[in-house]
Amino acid sequence: MVEAIFGNRTAEKVLLFLVKNDQSYAQEIANRVKLSLNLVQRQLKRFEAAGIIAGQVRGRMRFFSLNPRYPFTPELRALLSKALTFLPAKEQAMYDSQRRRPRKSGKPL
């Protein structure tokens, strides 16, 4: 939908995922948006070099989120949030994150 603005579909999917989930790591993004890990890592590297996103190391993982110091973050977030509303429900579900912590034992699904 906004791929023409960002140059390619990978860039669009990565940014849409980060807007919907606030922060994530490369493997989760690749799995959820059905792209190869290499493509996602390259795109994250480009966005980080441009200052659009910020990476933070926690343990052995690197989490990415939109950079709050980037001057156009509020406008970018608003544009991407609006773009998400125009996607079909099935495609919107693709950007939802999965549960990150284990379910308490004995708790019903």
N, C-alpha and C. Protein backbone atom coordinates (compact mmCIF):
# COMPACT_ATOMS: atom_id res chain seq x y z
N MET A 1 0.81 -1.19 0.00
CA MET A 1 0.00 0.00 0.00
C MET A 1 0.87 1.27 0.00
N VAL A 2 1.84 1.35 0.89
CA VAL A 2 2.74 2.51 0.92
C VAL A 2 4.14 2.12 0.45
N GLU A 3 4.21 1.02 -0.27
CA GLU A 3 5.53 0.53 -0.70
C GLU A 3 6.21 1.50 -1.65
N ALA A 4 5.44 2.26 -2.43
CA ALA A 4 6.04 3.23 -3.35
C ALA A 4 6.79 4.32 -2.59
N ILE A 5 6.32 4.66 -1.41
CA ILE A 5 6.97 5.70 -0.60
C ILE A 5 8.30 5.20 -0.05
N PHE A 6 8.34 3.93 0.37
CA PHE A 6 9.54 3.38 1.01
C PHE A 6 10.47 2.67 0.04
N GLY A 7 10.07 2.47 -1.19
CA GLY A 7 10.95 1.91 -2.19
C GLY A 7 10.77 0.43 -2.45
N ASN A 8 10.34 -0.34 -1.48
CA ASN A 8 10.12 -1.76 -1.72
C ASN A 8 9.17 -2.35 -0.68
N ARG A 9 8.68 -3.53 -0.98
CA ARG A 9 7.69 -4.19 -0.13
C ARG A 9 8.29 -4.61 1.22
N THR A 10 9.56 -5.00 1.21
CA THR A 10 10.22 -5.41 2.45
C THR A 10 10.25 -4.25 3.44
N ALA A 11 10.62 -3.08 2.98
CA ALA A 11 10.68 -1.90 3.85
C ALA A 11 9.30 -1.61 4.44
N GLU A 12 8.28 -1.69 3.61
CA GLU A 12 6.92 -1.44 4.07
C GLU A 12 6.53 -2.44 5.16
N LYS A 13 6.77 -3.71 4.93
CA LYS A 13 6.38 -4.74 5.89
C LYS A 13 7.12 -4.60 7.21
N VAL A 14 8.40 -4.31 7.16
CA VAL A 14 9.19 -4.15 8.38
C VAL A 14 8.68 -2.97 9.20
N LEU A 15 8.44 -1.84 8.55
CA LEU A 15 7.96 -0.67 9.28
C LEU A 15 6.55 -0.87 9.82
N LEU A 16 5.67 -1.49 9.04
CA LEU A 16 4.32 -1.76 9.52
C LEU A 16 4.36 -2.66 10.75
N PHE A 17 5.22 -3.67 10.73
CA PHE A 17 5.34 -4.57 11.87
C PHE A 17 5.84 -3.81 13.10
N LEU A 18 6.83 -2.95 12.93
CA LEU A 18 7.38 -2.21 14.08
C LEU A 18 6.38 -1.21 14.63
N VAL A 19 5.57 -0.62 13.77
CA VAL A 19 4.54 0.31 14.26
C VAL A 19 3.49 -0.43 15.06
N LYS A 20 3.09 -1.58 14.58
CA LYS A 20 2.04 -2.35 15.25
C LYS A 20 2.54 -2.96 16.57
N ASN A 21 3.81 -3.30 16.66
CA ASN A 21 4.34 -4.03 17.82
C ASN A 21 5.33 -3.26 18.67
N ASP A 22 5.58 -2.03 18.39
CA ASP A 22 6.51 -1.17 19.13
C ASP A 22 7.96 -1.63 19.05
N GLN A 23 8.24 -2.91 19.33
CA GLN A 23 9.62 -3.39 19.18
C GLN A 23 9.61 -4.89 18.90
N SER A 24 10.65 -5.31 18.20
CA SER A 24 10.75 -6.73 17.85
C SER A 24 12.17 -7.03 17.40
N TYR A 25 12.44 -8.30 17.16
CA TYR A 25 13.74 -8.73 16.68
C TYR A 25 13.59 -9.27 15.26
N ALA A 26 14.70 -9.38 14.56
CA ALA A 26 14.69 -9.69 13.12
C ALA A 26 13.99 -11.01 12.81
N GLN A 27 14.26 -12.05 13.56
CA GLN A 27 13.67 -13.36 13.26
C GLN A 27 12.15 -13.33 13.41
N GLU A 28 11.66 -12.65 14.43
CA GLU A 28 10.21 -12.57 14.62
C GLU A 28 9.56 -11.81 13.46
N ILE A 29 10.18 -10.73 13.04
CA ILE A 29 9.64 -9.96 11.91
C ILE A 29 9.61 -10.83 10.67
N ALA A 30 10.71 -11.51 10.39
CA ALA A 30 10.79 -12.36 9.20
C ALA A 30 9.73 -13.46 9.23
N ASN A 31 9.55 -14.09 10.37
CA ASN A 31 8.55 -15.16 10.48
C ASN A 31 7.13 -14.64 10.29
N ARG A 32 6.81 -13.53 10.92
CA ARG A 32 5.43 -13.02 10.89
C ARG A 32 5.05 -12.44 9.53
N VAL A 33 5.96 -11.76 8.86
CA VAL A 33 5.62 -11.15 7.56
C VAL A 33 6.02 -12.02 6.37
N LYS A 34 6.50 -13.22 6.68
CA LYS A 34 6.83 -14.21 5.66
C LYS A 34 7.86 -13.71 4.64
N LEU A 35 8.99 -13.26 5.18
CA LEU A 35 10.12 -12.85 4.36
C LEU A 35 11.36 -13.59 4.86
N SER A 36 12.38 -13.63 4.03
CA SER A 36 13.61 -14.29 4.48
C SER A 36 14.30 -13.42 5.52
N LEU A 37 15.00 -14.06 6.43
CA LEU A 37 15.70 -13.36 7.50
C LEU A 37 16.73 -12.40 6.92
N ASN A 38 17.41 -12.80 5.87
CA ASN A 38 18.44 -11.97 5.25
C ASN A 38 17.85 -10.65 4.74
N LEU A 39 16.69 -10.71 4.08
CA LEU A 39 16.05 -9.49 3.59
C LEU A 39 15.68 -8.56 4.73
N VAL A 40 15.13 -9.12 5.78
CA VAL A 40 14.72 -8.31 6.93
C VAL A 40 15.93 -7.69 7.61
N GLN A 41 16.99 -8.46 7.79
CA GLN A 41 18.20 -7.93 8.44
C GLN A 41 18.81 -6.79 7.62
N ARG A 42 18.83 -6.96 6.30
CA ARG A 42 19.37 -5.90 5.45
C ARG A 42 18.55 -4.62 5.57
N GLN A 43 17.23 -4.78 5.59
CA GLN A 43 16.35 -3.61 5.69
C GLN A 43 16.50 -2.94 7.06
N LEU A 44 16.58 -3.73 8.12
CA LEU A 44 16.78 -3.17 9.45
C LEU A 44 18.10 -2.41 9.52
N LYS A 45 19.13 -2.95 8.90
CA LYS A 45 20.44 -2.30 8.90
C LYS A 45 20.37 -0.94 8.18
N ARG A 46 19.64 -0.90 7.05
CA ARG A 46 19.48 0.36 6.31
C ARG A 46 18.73 1.40 7.14
N PHE A 47 17.63 0.97 7.76
CA PHE A 47 16.83 1.89 8.56
C PHE A 47 17.61 2.39 9.78
N GLU A 48 18.40 1.51 10.38
CA GLU A 48 19.19 1.91 11.54
C GLU A 48 20.29 2.89 11.13
N ALA A 49 20.91 2.65 10.00
CA ALA A 49 21.95 3.57 9.51
C ALA A 49 21.37 4.95 9.20
N ALA A 50 20.12 4.99 8.75
CA ALA A 50 19.46 6.25 8.44
C ALA A 50 18.88 6.92 9.69
N GLY A 51 18.86 6.21 10.81
CA GLY A 51 18.34 6.78 12.04
C GLY A 51 16.84 6.64 12.22
N ILE A 52 16.18 5.92 11.33
CA ILE A 52 14.73 5.76 11.40
C ILE A 52 14.34 4.82 12.53
N ILE A 53 15.13 3.78 12.73
CA ILE A 53 14.88 2.85 13.83
C ILE A 53 16.10 2.82 14.74
N ALA A 54 15.89 2.31 15.94
CA ALA A 54 16.99 2.17 16.90
C ALA A 54 17.04 0.72 17.37
N GLY A 55 18.23 0.19 17.49
CA GLY A 55 18.41 -1.17 17.98
C GLY A 55 18.92 -1.17 19.40
N GLN A 56 18.48 -2.16 20.16
CA GLN A 56 18.91 -2.28 21.56
C GLN A 56 19.19 -3.75 21.83
N VAL A 57 20.36 -4.04 22.36
CA VAL A 57 20.74 -5.41 22.66
C VAL A 57 20.22 -5.77 24.05
N ARG A 58 19.51 -6.91 24.11
CA ARG A 58 19.06 -7.48 25.39
C ARG A 58 19.42 -8.94 25.38
N GLY A 59 20.37 -9.29 26.23
CA GLY A 59 20.85 -10.67 26.23
C GLY A 59 21.58 -10.96 24.93
N ARG A 60 21.13 -12.00 24.23
CA ARG A 60 21.75 -12.35 22.96
C ARG A 60 20.95 -11.84 21.77
N MET A 61 19.92 -11.06 22.02
CA MET A 61 19.04 -10.61 20.95
C MET A 61 19.11 -9.09 20.78
N ARG A 62 18.87 -8.65 19.57
CA ARG A 62 18.84 -7.22 19.25
C ARG A 62 17.41 -6.84 18.90
N PHE A 63 16.81 -5.99 19.70
CA PHE A 63 15.44 -5.54 19.48
C PHE A 63 15.45 -4.20 18.77
N PHE A 64 14.51 -4.04 17.85
CA PHE A 64 14.41 -2.81 17.07
C PHE A 64 13.07 -2.14 17.32
N SER A 65 13.09 -0.82 17.28
CA SER A 65 11.86 -0.03 17.40
C SER A 65 12.06 1.27 16.62
N LEU A 66 10.97 1.99 16.38
CA LEU A 66 11.10 3.28 15.74
C LEU A 66 11.91 4.19 16.66
N ASN A 67 12.80 4.96 16.08
CA ASN A 67 13.69 5.82 16.85
C ASN A 67 12.92 7.05 17.34
N PRO A 68 12.76 7.20 18.65
CA PRO A 68 12.01 8.37 19.15
C PRO A 68 12.72 9.69 18.88
N ARG A 69 14.01 9.65 18.61
CA ARG A 69 14.77 10.88 18.32
C ARG A 69 14.73 11.27 16.84
N TYR A 70 14.22 10.40 16.01
CA TYR A 70 14.10 10.72 14.58
C TYR A 70 13.04 11.81 14.44
N PRO A 71 13.33 12.91 13.73
CA PRO A 71 12.40 14.04 13.71
C PRO A 71 11.02 13.74 13.11
N PHE A 72 10.92 12.75 12.25
CA PHE A 72 9.66 12.47 11.59
C PHE A 72 8.93 11.24 12.15
N THR A 73 9.35 10.76 13.31
CA THR A 73 8.73 9.58 13.89
C THR A 73 7.23 9.73 14.11
N PRO A 74 6.73 10.83 14.66
CA PRO A 74 5.28 10.93 14.86
C PRO A 74 4.50 10.88 13.54
N GLU A 75 5.00 11.55 12.52
CA GLU A 75 4.34 11.55 11.22
C GLU A 75 4.42 10.18 10.56
N LEU A 76 5.58 9.53 10.69
CA LEU A 76 5.76 8.20 10.13
C LEU A 76 4.83 7.21 10.81
N ARG A 77 4.74 7.28 12.12
CA ARG A 77 3.85 6.40 12.88
C ARG A 77 2.39 6.63 12.46
N ALA A 78 1.99 7.88 12.29
CA ALA A 78 0.62 8.20 11.89
C ALA A 78 0.32 7.66 10.48
N LEU A 79 1.26 7.84 9.56
CA LEU A 79 1.07 7.34 8.20
C LEU A 79 0.93 5.83 8.17
N LEU A 80 1.83 5.14 8.87
CA LEU A 80 1.81 3.68 8.88
C LEU A 80 0.59 3.13 9.61
N SER A 81 0.18 3.78 10.68
CA SER A 81 -1.02 3.35 11.41
C SER A 81 -2.25 3.47 10.52
N LYS A 82 -2.32 4.55 9.76
CA LYS A 82 -3.45 4.73 8.84
C LYS A 82 -3.40 3.69 7.73
N ALA A 83 -2.20 3.40 7.23
CA ALA A 83 -2.05 2.39 6.17
C ALA A 83 -2.51 1.02 6.66
N LEU A 84 -2.25 0.71 7.93
CA LEU A 84 -2.68 -0.57 8.50
C LEU A 84 -4.20 -0.72 8.47
N THR A 85 -4.92 0.37 8.67
CA THR A 85 -6.39 0.29 8.70
C THR A 85 -6.97 -0.04 7.33
N PHE A 86 -6.23 0.23 6.26
CA PHE A 86 -6.73 -0.03 4.91
C PHE A 86 -6.39 -1.43 4.40
N LEU A 87 -5.62 -2.17 5.16
CA LEU A 87 -5.26 -3.54 4.77
C LEU A 87 -6.42 -4.49 5.07
N PRO A 88 -6.56 -5.56 4.30
CA PRO A 88 -7.56 -6.58 4.63
C PRO A 88 -7.28 -7.19 5.99
N ALA A 89 -8.32 -7.68 6.64
CA ALA A 89 -8.19 -8.23 8.00
C ALA A 89 -7.15 -9.34 8.07
N LYS A 90 -7.10 -10.18 7.05
CA LYS A 90 -6.14 -11.29 7.05
C LYS A 90 -4.70 -10.77 7.04
N GLU A 91 -4.48 -9.72 6.27
CA GLU A 91 -3.13 -9.16 6.19
C GLU A 91 -2.80 -8.38 7.47
N GLN A 92 -3.79 -7.74 8.08
CA GLN A 92 -3.56 -7.04 9.35
C GLN A 92 -3.13 -8.02 10.43
N ALA A 93 -3.73 -9.20 10.43
CA ALA A 93 -3.40 -10.22 11.43
C ALA A 93 -1.93 -10.65 11.34
N MET A 94 -1.36 -10.55 10.14
CA MET A 94 0.03 -10.94 9.93
C MET A 94 0.97 -10.07 10.77
N TYR A 95 0.56 -8.84 11.04
CA TYR A 95 1.42 -7.91 11.77
C TYR A 95 1.26 -8.00 13.29
N ASP A 96 0.33 -8.80 13.77
CA ASP A 96 0.17 -9.00 15.20
C ASP A 96 1.30 -9.86 15.72
N SER A 97 1.81 -9.51 16.89
CA SER A 97 2.91 -10.31 17.44
C SER A 97 2.36 -11.54 18.14
N GLN A 98 3.23 -12.51 18.31
CA GLN A 98 2.86 -13.72 19.03
C GLN A 98 3.24 -13.54 20.49
N ARG A 99 2.69 -14.39 21.32
CA ARG A 99 2.99 -14.35 22.74
C ARG A 99 4.48 -14.63 22.95
N ARG A 100 5.14 -13.84 23.76
CA ARG A 100 6.58 -13.99 23.98
C ARG A 100 6.93 -14.75 25.22
N ARG A 101 6.03 -14.85 26.14
CA ARG A 101 6.36 -15.57 27.37
C ARG A 101 5.50 -16.82 27.46
N PRO A 102 5.97 -17.81 28.14
CA PRO A 102 5.21 -19.06 28.21
C PRO A 102 3.93 -18.90 29.02
N ARG A 103 2.94 -19.70 28.67
CA ARG A 103 1.67 -19.68 29.38
C ARG A 103 1.85 -20.39 30.71
N LYS A 104 1.20 -19.89 31.73
CA LYS A 104 1.28 -20.52 33.05
C LYS A 104 0.76 -21.94 32.98
N SER A 105 1.46 -22.88 33.59
CA SER A 105 1.06 -24.27 33.51
C SER A 105 -0.33 -24.46 34.13
N GLY A 106 -1.16 -25.23 33.47
CA GLY A 106 -2.51 -25.50 33.94
C GLY A 106 -3.53 -24.47 33.52
N LYS A 107 -3.07 -23.35 32.92
CA LYS A 107 -4.00 -22.32 32.49
C LYS A 107 -4.64 -22.74 31.17
N PRO A 108 -5.98 -22.65 31.06
CA PRO A 108 -6.64 -23.07 29.83
C PRO A 108 -6.32 -22.13 28.68
N LEU A 109 -6.36 -22.66 27.47
CA LEU A 109 -6.13 -21.83 26.30
C LEU A 109 -7.32 -20.94 26.11
